[in-house]
Amino acid sequence: MFDLLLEPNPDQKYKVPSENELIDHAFLFAITGTDTTSMALTFAVFYVLSSPDILVCLLDELREASPYIRDEFNWKEV
């Protein structure tokens, strides 16, 4: 993305942003990638834990999958 930001384009009247603007862009990219994911996971966990039927269903599915995952829940295998 920064390759594009650092490439001036006179045809479209695009100028390379200042160093401070590039730093702002970097923070924006980092926050948008993590904030949306964390919010989605927060709501998912809340609704699963606040709905006993969904929680039971999820736990059943995890128990059924455990032979494929083995005894240890290795994140690479999951």
PDB file of N, CA and C in Angstrom:
ATOM      1  N   MET A   1       0.816  -1.181   0.000  1.00  0.00           N
ATOM      2  CA  MET A   1       0.000   0.000   0.000  1.00  0.00           C
ATOM      3  C   MET A   1       0.871   1.260   0.000  1.00  0.00           C
ATOM      4  N   PHE A   2       1.952   1.198   0.778  1.00  0.00           N
ATOM      5  CA  PHE A   2       2.798   2.390   0.846  1.00  0.00           C
ATOM      6  C   PHE A   2       3.565   2.632  -0.445  1.00  0.00           C
ATOM      7  N   ASP A   3       3.791   1.572  -1.212  1.00  0.00           N
ATOM      8  CA  ASP A   3       4.396   1.780  -2.531  1.00  0.00           C
ATOM      9  C   ASP A   3       3.516   2.692  -3.379  1.00  0.00           C
ATOM     10  N   LEU A   4       2.207   2.479  -3.290  1.00  0.00           N
ATOM     11  CA  LEU A   4       1.277   3.340  -4.033  1.00  0.00           C
ATOM     12  C   LEU A   4       1.251   4.757  -3.483  1.00  0.00           C
ATOM     13  N   LEU A   5       1.279   4.869  -2.163  1.00  0.00           N
ATOM     14  CA  LEU A   5       1.236   6.191  -1.543  1.00  0.00           C
ATOM     15  C   LEU A   5       2.500   6.998  -1.845  1.00  0.00           C
ATOM     16  N   LEU A   6       3.627   6.309  -2.037  1.00  0.00           N
ATOM     17  CA  LEU A   6       4.894   7.000  -2.260  1.00  0.00           C
ATOM     18  C   LEU A   6       5.182   7.284  -3.730  1.00  0.00           C
ATOM     19  N   GLU A   7       4.257   6.899  -4.597  1.00  0.00           N
ATOM     20  CA  GLU A   7       4.431   7.094  -6.040  1.00  0.00           C
ATOM     21  C   GLU A   7       3.605   8.292  -6.502  1.00  0.00           C
ATOM     22  N   PRO A   8       4.248   9.415  -6.802  1.00  0.00           N
ATOM     23  CA  PRO A   8       3.483  10.578  -7.271  1.00  0.00           C
ATOM     24  C   PRO A   8       2.850  10.296  -8.633  1.00  0.00           C
ATOM     25  N   ASN A   9       1.701  10.901  -8.870  1.00  0.00           N
ATOM     26  CA  ASN A   9       1.007  10.721 -10.134  1.00  0.00           C
ATOM     27  C   ASN A   9       0.499  12.086 -10.603  1.00  0.00           C
ATOM     28  N   PRO A  10       1.301  12.776 -11.392  1.00  0.00           N
ATOM     29  CA  PRO A  10       0.904  14.121 -11.842  1.00  0.00           C
ATOM     30  C   PRO A  10      -0.358  14.123 -12.692  1.00  0.00           C
ATOM     31  N   ASP A  11      -0.599  13.031 -13.429  1.00  0.00           N
ATOM     32  CA  ASP A  11      -1.796  12.971 -14.276  1.00  0.00           C
ATOM     33  C   ASP A  11      -3.071  13.081 -13.444  1.00  0.00           C
ATOM     34  N   GLN A  12      -3.050  12.504 -12.244  1.00  0.00           N
ATOM     35  CA  GLN A  12      -4.228  12.550 -11.369  1.00  0.00           C
ATOM     36  C   GLN A  12      -4.065  13.599 -10.271  1.00  0.00           C
ATOM     37  N   LYS A  13      -3.050  14.432 -10.423  1.00  0.00           N
ATOM     38  CA  LYS A  13      -2.760  15.501  -9.456  1.00  0.00           C
ATOM     39  C   LYS A  13      -2.554  14.947  -8.053  1.00  0.00           C
ATOM     40  N   TYR A  14      -1.907  13.778  -7.980  1.00  0.00           N
ATOM     41  CA  TYR A  14      -1.630  13.160  -6.681  1.00  0.00           C
ATOM     42  C   TYR A  14      -0.203  13.490  -6.256  1.00  0.00           C
ATOM     43  N   LYS A  15      -0.075  14.016  -5.049  1.00  0.00           N
ATOM     44  CA  LYS A  15       1.232  14.312  -4.469  1.00  0.00           C
ATOM     45  C   LYS A  15       1.486  13.331  -3.331  1.00  0.00           C
ATOM     46  N   VAL A  16       2.732  12.994  -3.133  1.00  0.00           N
ATOM     47  CA  VAL A  16       3.111  12.085  -2.046  1.00  0.00           C
ATOM     48  C   VAL A  16       2.803  12.775  -0.716  1.00  0.00           C
ATOM     49  N   PRO A  17       2.136  12.052   0.202  1.00  0.00           N
ATOM     50  CA  PRO A  17       1.817  12.646   1.507  1.00  0.00           C
ATOM     51  C   PRO A  17       3.087  12.944   2.311  1.00  0.00           C
ATOM     52  N   SER A  18       2.925  13.843   3.264  1.00  0.00           N
ATOM     53  CA  SER A  18       4.046  14.180   4.147  1.00  0.00           C
ATOM     54  C   SER A  18       4.338  12.989   5.066  1.00  0.00           C
ATOM     55  N   GLU A  19       5.447  13.068   5.769  1.00  0.00           N
ATOM     56  CA  GLU A  19       5.814  11.986   6.689  1.00  0.00           C
ATOM     57  C   GLU A  19       4.739  11.788   7.760  1.00  0.00           C
ATOM     58  N   ASN A  20       4.221  12.880   8.301  1.00  0.00           N
ATOM     59  CA  ASN A  20       3.169  12.770   9.322  1.00  0.00           C
ATOM     60  C   ASN A  20       1.900  12.130   8.757  1.00  0.00           C
ATOM     61  N   GLU A  21       1.564  12.483   7.526  1.00  0.00           N
ATOM     62  CA  GLU A  21       0.384  11.870   6.902  1.00  0.00           C
ATOM     63  C   GLU A  21       0.595  10.379   6.665  1.00  0.00           C
ATOM     64  N   LEU A  22       1.820   9.982   6.295  1.00  0.00           N
ATOM     65  CA  LEU A  22       2.119   8.561   6.109  1.00  0.00           C
ATOM     66  C   LEU A  22       2.012   7.808   7.432  1.00  0.00           C
ATOM     67  N   ILE A  23       2.467   8.431   8.501  1.00  0.00           N
ATOM     68  CA  ILE A  23       2.341   7.813   9.829  1.00  0.00           C
ATOM     69  C   ILE A  23       0.865   7.655  10.184  1.00  0.00           C
ATOM     70  N   ASP A  24       0.067   8.672   9.903  1.00  0.00           N
ATOM     71  CA  ASP A  24      -1.375   8.585  10.144  1.00  0.00           C
ATOM     72  C   ASP A  24      -2.000   7.436   9.355  1.00  0.00           C
ATOM     73  N   HIS A  25      -1.586   7.293   8.104  1.00  0.00           N
ATOM     74  CA  HIS A  25      -2.098   6.196   7.276  1.00  0.00           C
ATOM     75  C   HIS A  25      -1.723   4.837   7.879  1.00  0.00           C
ATOM     76  N   ALA A  26      -0.483   4.723   8.360  1.00  0.00           N
ATOM     77  CA  ALA A  26      -0.028   3.458   8.949  1.00  0.00           C
ATOM     78  C   ALA A  26      -0.884   3.091  10.154  1.00  0.00           C
ATOM     79  N   PHE A  27      -1.143   4.051  11.031  1.00  0.00           N
ATOM     80  CA  PHE A  27      -1.991   3.785  12.189  1.00  0.00           C
ATOM     81  C   PHE A  27      -3.408   3.425  11.766  1.00  0.00           C
ATOM     82  N   LEU A  28      -3.909   4.110  10.775  1.00  0.00           N
ATOM     83  CA  LEU A  28      -5.256   3.835  10.287  1.00  0.00           C
ATOM     84  C   LEU A  28      -5.361   2.403   9.767  1.00  0.00           C
ATOM     85  N   PHE A  29      -4.377   1.971   8.973  1.00  0.00           N
ATOM     86  CA  PHE A  29      -4.392   0.605   8.446  1.00  0.00           C
ATOM     87  C   PHE A  29      -4.321  -0.417   9.577  1.00  0.00           C
ATOM     88  N   ALA A  30      -3.481  -0.154  10.573  1.00  0.00           N
ATOM     89  CA  ALA A  30      -3.334  -1.090  11.695  1.00  0.00           C
ATOM     90  C   ALA A  30      -4.620  -1.174  12.506  1.00  0.00           C
ATOM     91  N   ILE A  31      -5.216  -0.041  12.790  1.00  0.00           N
ATOM     92  CA  ILE A  31      -6.427  -0.015  13.612  1.00  0.00           C
ATOM     93  C   ILE A  31      -7.607  -0.635  12.881  1.00  0.00           C
ATOM     94  N   THR A  32      -7.768  -0.330  11.595  1.00  0.00           N
ATOM     95  CA  THR A  32      -8.924  -0.872  10.878  1.00  0.00           C
ATOM     96  C   THR A  32      -8.838  -2.383  10.763  1.00  0.00           C
ATOM     97  N   GLY A  33      -7.638  -2.925  10.699  1.00  0.00           N
ATOM     98  CA  GLY A  33      -7.489  -4.373  10.602  1.00  0.00           C
ATOM     99  C   GLY A  33      -7.727  -5.086  11.915  1.00  0.00           C
ATOM    100  N   THR A  34      -7.415  -4.447  13.032  1.00  0.00           N
ATOM    101  CA  THR A  34      -7.562  -5.107  14.320  1.00  0.00           C
ATOM    102  C   THR A  34      -8.866  -4.744  15.020  1.00  0.00           C
ATOM    103  N   ASP A  35      -9.283  -3.519  14.886  1.00  0.00           N
ATOM    104  CA  ASP A  35     -10.483  -3.076  15.594  1.00  0.00           C
ATOM    105  C   ASP A  35     -11.721  -3.825  15.115  1.00  0.00           C
ATOM    106  N   THR A  36     -11.886  -3.954  13.820  1.00  0.00           N
ATOM    107  CA  THR A  36     -13.075  -4.640  13.307  1.00  0.00           C
ATOM    108  C   THR A  36     -13.076  -6.112  13.704  1.00  0.00           C
ATOM    109  N   THR A  37     -11.915  -6.746  13.661  1.00  0.00           N
ATOM    110  CA  THR A  37     -11.813  -8.155  14.050  1.00  0.00           C
ATOM    111  C   THR A  37     -12.120  -8.321  15.535  1.00  0.00           C
ATOM    112  N   SER A  38     -11.554  -7.469  16.362  1.00  0.00           N
ATOM    113  CA  SER A  38     -11.792  -7.599  17.802  1.00  0.00           C
ATOM    114  C   SER A  38     -13.261  -7.347  18.150  1.00  0.00           C
ATOM    115  N   MET A  39     -13.884  -6.400  17.470  1.00  0.00           N
ATOM    116  CA  MET A  39     -15.308  -6.153  17.736  1.00  0.00           C
ATOM    117  C   MET A  39     -16.156  -7.350  17.322  1.00  0.00           C
ATOM    118  N   ALA A  40     -15.867  -7.926  16.165  1.00  0.00           N
ATOM    119  CA  ALA A  40     -16.628  -9.090  15.695  1.00  0.00           C
ATOM    120  C   ALA A  40     -16.465 -10.260  16.665  1.00  0.00           C
ATOM    121  N   LEU A  41     -15.245 -10.502  17.122  1.00  0.00           N
ATOM    122  CA  LEU A  41     -15.018 -11.592  18.074  1.00  0.00           C
ATOM    123  C   LEU A  41     -15.684 -11.320  19.417  1.00  0.00           C
ATOM    124  N   THR A  42     -15.662 -10.071  19.848  1.00  0.00           N
ATOM    125  CA  THR A  42     -16.311  -9.711  21.109  1.00  0.00           C
ATOM    126  C   THR A  42     -17.805 -10.000  21.047  1.00  0.00           C
ATOM    127  N   PHE A  43     -18.451  -9.568  19.979  1.00  0.00           N
ATOM    128  CA  PHE A  43     -19.889  -9.819  19.846  1.00  0.00           C
ATOM    129  C   PHE A  43     -20.183 -11.305  19.701  1.00  0.00           C
ATOM    130  N   ALA A  44     -19.352 -12.028  18.971  1.00  0.00           N
ATOM    131  CA  ALA A  44     -19.572 -13.470  18.793  1.00  0.00           C
ATOM    132  C   ALA A  44     -19.487 -14.193  20.131  1.00  0.00           C
ATOM    133  N   VAL A  45     -18.465 -13.893  20.911  1.00  0.00           N
ATOM    134  CA  VAL A  45     -18.316 -14.537  22.223  1.00  0.00           C
ATOM    135  C   VAL A  45     -19.484 -14.161  23.134  1.00  0.00           C
ATOM    136  N   PHE A  46     -19.878 -12.906  23.123  1.00  0.00           N
ATOM    137  CA  PHE A  46     -21.007 -12.471  23.952  1.00  0.00           C
ATOM    138  C   PHE A  46     -22.269 -13.256  23.610  1.00  0.00           C
ATOM    139  N   TYR A  47     -22.593 -13.348  22.324  1.00  0.00           N
ATOM    140  CA  TYR A  47     -23.829 -14.026  21.932  1.00  0.00           C
ATOM    141  C   TYR A  47     -23.766 -15.527  22.168  1.00  0.00           C
ATOM    142  N   VAL A  48     -22.602 -16.129  21.982  1.00  0.00           N
ATOM    143  CA  VAL A  48     -22.471 -17.566  22.257  1.00  0.00           C
ATOM    144  C   VAL A  48     -22.664 -17.821  23.752  1.00  0.00           C
ATOM    145  N   LEU A  49     -22.025 -17.012  24.589  1.00  0.00           N
ATOM    146  CA  LEU A  49     -22.121 -17.228  26.035  1.00  0.00           C
ATOM    147  C   LEU A  49     -23.485 -16.839  26.597  1.00  0.00           C
ATOM    148  N   SER A  50     -24.189 -15.927  25.938  1.00  0.00           N
ATOM    149  CA  SER A  50     -25.502 -15.509  26.449  1.00  0.00           C
ATOM    150  C   SER A  50     -26.643 -16.347  25.883  1.00  0.00           C
ATOM    151  N   SER A  51     -26.330 -17.283  25.002  1.00  0.00           N
ATOM    152  CA  SER A  51     -27.358 -18.144  24.426  1.00  0.00           C
ATOM    153  C   SER A  51     -27.000 -19.599  24.707  1.00  0.00           C
ATOM    154  N   PRO A  52     -27.605 -20.203  25.730  1.00  0.00           N
ATOM    155  CA  PRO A  52     -27.255 -21.570  26.116  1.00  0.00           C
ATOM    156  C   PRO A  52     -27.389 -22.586  24.978  1.00  0.00           C
ATOM    157  N   ASP A  53     -28.392 -22.433  24.122  1.00  0.00           N
ATOM    158  CA  ASP A  53     -28.570 -23.385  23.014  1.00  0.00           C
ATOM    159  C   ASP A  53     -27.381 -23.357  22.051  1.00  0.00           C
ATOM    160  N   ILE A  54     -26.923 -22.168  21.736  1.00  0.00           N
ATOM    161  CA  ILE A  54     -25.784 -22.030  20.829  1.00  0.00           C
ATOM    162  C   ILE A  54     -24.516 -22.556  21.495  1.00  0.00           C
ATOM    163  N   LEU A  55     -24.352 -22.260  22.780  1.00  0.00           N
ATOM    164  CA  LEU A  55     -23.177 -22.730  23.507  1.00  0.00           C
ATOM    165  C   LEU A  55     -23.123 -24.258  23.523  1.00  0.00           C
ATOM    166  N   VAL A  56     -24.240 -24.895  23.811  1.00  0.00           N
ATOM    167  CA  VAL A  56     -24.296 -26.362  23.834  1.00  0.00           C
ATOM    168  C   VAL A  56     -23.963 -26.923  22.453  1.00  0.00           C
ATOM    169  N   CYS A  57     -24.520 -26.326  21.413  1.00  0.00           N
ATOM    170  CA  CYS A  57     -24.254 -26.771  20.044  1.00  0.00           C
ATOM    171  C   CYS A  57     -22.765 -26.627  19.701  1.00  0.00           C
ATOM    172  N   LEU A  58     -22.183 -25.511  20.062  1.00  0.00           N
ATOM    173  CA  LEU A  58     -20.767 -25.287  19.803  1.00  0.00           C
ATOM    174  C   LEU A  58     -19.902 -26.288  20.550  1.00  0.00           C
ATOM    175  N   LEU A  59     -20.205 -26.520  21.813  1.00  0.00           N
ATOM    176  CA  LEU A  59     -19.434 -27.480  22.600  1.00  0.00           C
ATOM    177  C   LEU A  59     -19.557 -28.891  22.017  1.00  0.00           C
ATOM    178  N   ASP A  60     -20.744 -29.257  21.571  1.00  0.00           N
ATOM    179  CA  ASP A  60     -20.935 -30.566  20.930  1.00  0.00           C
ATOM    180  C   ASP A  60     -20.075 -30.690  19.675  1.00  0.00           C
ATOM    181  N   GLU A  61     -20.074 -29.642  18.865  1.00  0.00           N
ATOM    182  CA  GLU A  61     -19.274 -29.675  17.640  1.00  0.00           C
ATOM    183  C   GLU A  61     -17.783 -29.793  17.955  1.00  0.00           C
ATOM    184  N   LEU A  62     -17.327 -29.097  18.992  1.00  0.00           N
ATOM    185  CA  LEU A  62     -15.918 -29.187  19.370  1.00  0.00           C
ATOM    186  C   LEU A  62     -15.568 -30.582  19.893  1.00  0.00           C
ATOM    187  N   ARG A  63     -16.494 -31.178  20.649  1.00  0.00           N
ATOM    188  CA  ARG A  63     -16.252 -32.542  21.146  1.00  0.00           C
ATOM    189  C   ARG A  63     -16.183 -33.537  19.989  1.00  0.00           C
ATOM    190  N   GLU A  64     -17.048 -33.373  19.003  1.00  0.00           N
ATOM    191  CA  GLU A  64     -17.031 -34.258  17.840  1.00  0.00           C
ATOM    192  C   GLU A  64     -15.746 -34.084  17.031  1.00  0.00           C
ATOM    193  N   ALA A  65     -15.218 -32.888  17.008  1.00  0.00           N
ATOM    194  CA  ALA A  65     -14.011 -32.621  16.223  1.00  0.00           C
ATOM    195  C   ALA A  65     -12.740 -33.051  16.951  1.00  0.00           C
ATOM    196  N   SER A  66     -12.825 -33.271  18.251  1.00  0.00           N
ATOM    197  CA  SER A  66     -11.601 -33.553  19.006  1.00  0.00           C
ATOM    198  C   SER A  66     -10.837 -34.781  18.527  1.00  0.00           C
ATOM    199  N   PRO A  67     -11.465 -35.863  18.021  1.00  0.00           N
ATOM    200  CA  PRO A  67     -10.647 -36.959  17.506  1.00  0.00           C
ATOM    201  C   PRO A  67      -9.774 -36.532  16.316  1.00  0.00           C
ATOM    202  N   TYR A  68     -10.262 -35.582  15.550  1.00  0.00           N
ATOM    203  CA  TYR A  68      -9.484 -35.109  14.406  1.00  0.00           C
ATOM    204  C   TYR A  68      -8.374 -34.159  14.846  1.00  0.00           C
ATOM    205  N   ILE A  69      -8.623 -33.491  15.945  1.00  0.00           N
ATOM    206  CA  ILE A  69      -7.655 -32.526  16.449  1.00  0.00           C
ATOM    207  C   ILE A  69      -6.685 -33.210  17.411  1.00  0.00           C
ATOM    208  N   ARG A  70      -7.033 -34.389  17.863  1.00  0.00           N
ATOM    209  CA  ARG A  70      -6.296 -35.173  18.859  1.00  0.00           C
ATOM    210  C   ARG A  70      -6.565 -34.589  20.235  1.00  0.00           C
ATOM    211  N   ASP A  71      -5.831 -35.057  21.194  1.00  0.00           N
ATOM    212  CA  ASP A  71      -6.051 -34.615  22.574  1.00  0.00           C
ATOM    213  C   ASP A  71      -5.597 -33.181  22.804  1.00  0.00           C
ATOM    214  N   GLU A  72      -4.645 -32.758  22.018  1.00  0.00           N
ATOM    215  CA  GLU A  72      -4.086 -31.434  22.206  1.00  0.00           C
ATOM    216  C   GLU A  72      -4.621 -30.511  21.120  1.00  0.00           C
ATOM    217  N   PHE A  73      -5.160 -29.356  21.498  1.00  0.00           N
ATOM    218  CA  PHE A  73      -5.694 -28.415  20.517  1.00  0.00           C
ATOM    219  C   PHE A  73      -4.559 -27.522  20.018  1.00  0.00           C
ATOM    220  N   ASN A  74      -3.831 -28.035  19.042  1.00  0.00           N
ATOM    221  CA  ASN A  74      -2.726 -27.313  18.433  1.00  0.00           C
ATOM    222  C   ASN A  74      -3.313 -26.318  17.429  1.00  0.00           C
ATOM    223  N   TRP A  75      -2.970 -25.063  17.542  1.00  0.00           N
ATOM    224  CA  TRP A  75      -3.584 -24.033  16.685  1.00  0.00           C
ATOM    225  C   TRP A  75      -3.322 -24.289  15.209  1.00  0.00           C
ATOM    226  N   LYS A  76      -2.189 -24.898  14.864  1.00  0.00           N
ATOM    227  CA  LYS A  76      -1.901 -25.190  13.454  1.00  0.00           C
ATOM    228  C   LYS A  76      -2.848 -26.255  12.927  1.00  0.00           C
ATOM    229  N   GLU A  77      -3.187 -27.224  13.763  1.00  0.00           N
ATOM    230  CA  GLU A  77      -4.082 -28.288  13.331  1.00  0.00           C
ATOM    231  C   GLU A  77      -5.527 -27.815  13.300  1.00  0.00           C
ATOM    232  N   VAL A  78      -5.893 -26.978  14.261  1.00  0.00           N
ATOM    233  CA  VAL A  78      -7.256 -26.471  14.321  1.00  0.00           C
ATOM    234  C   VAL A  78      -7.512 -25.611  13.108  1.00  0.00           C
TER     235      VAL A  78
END
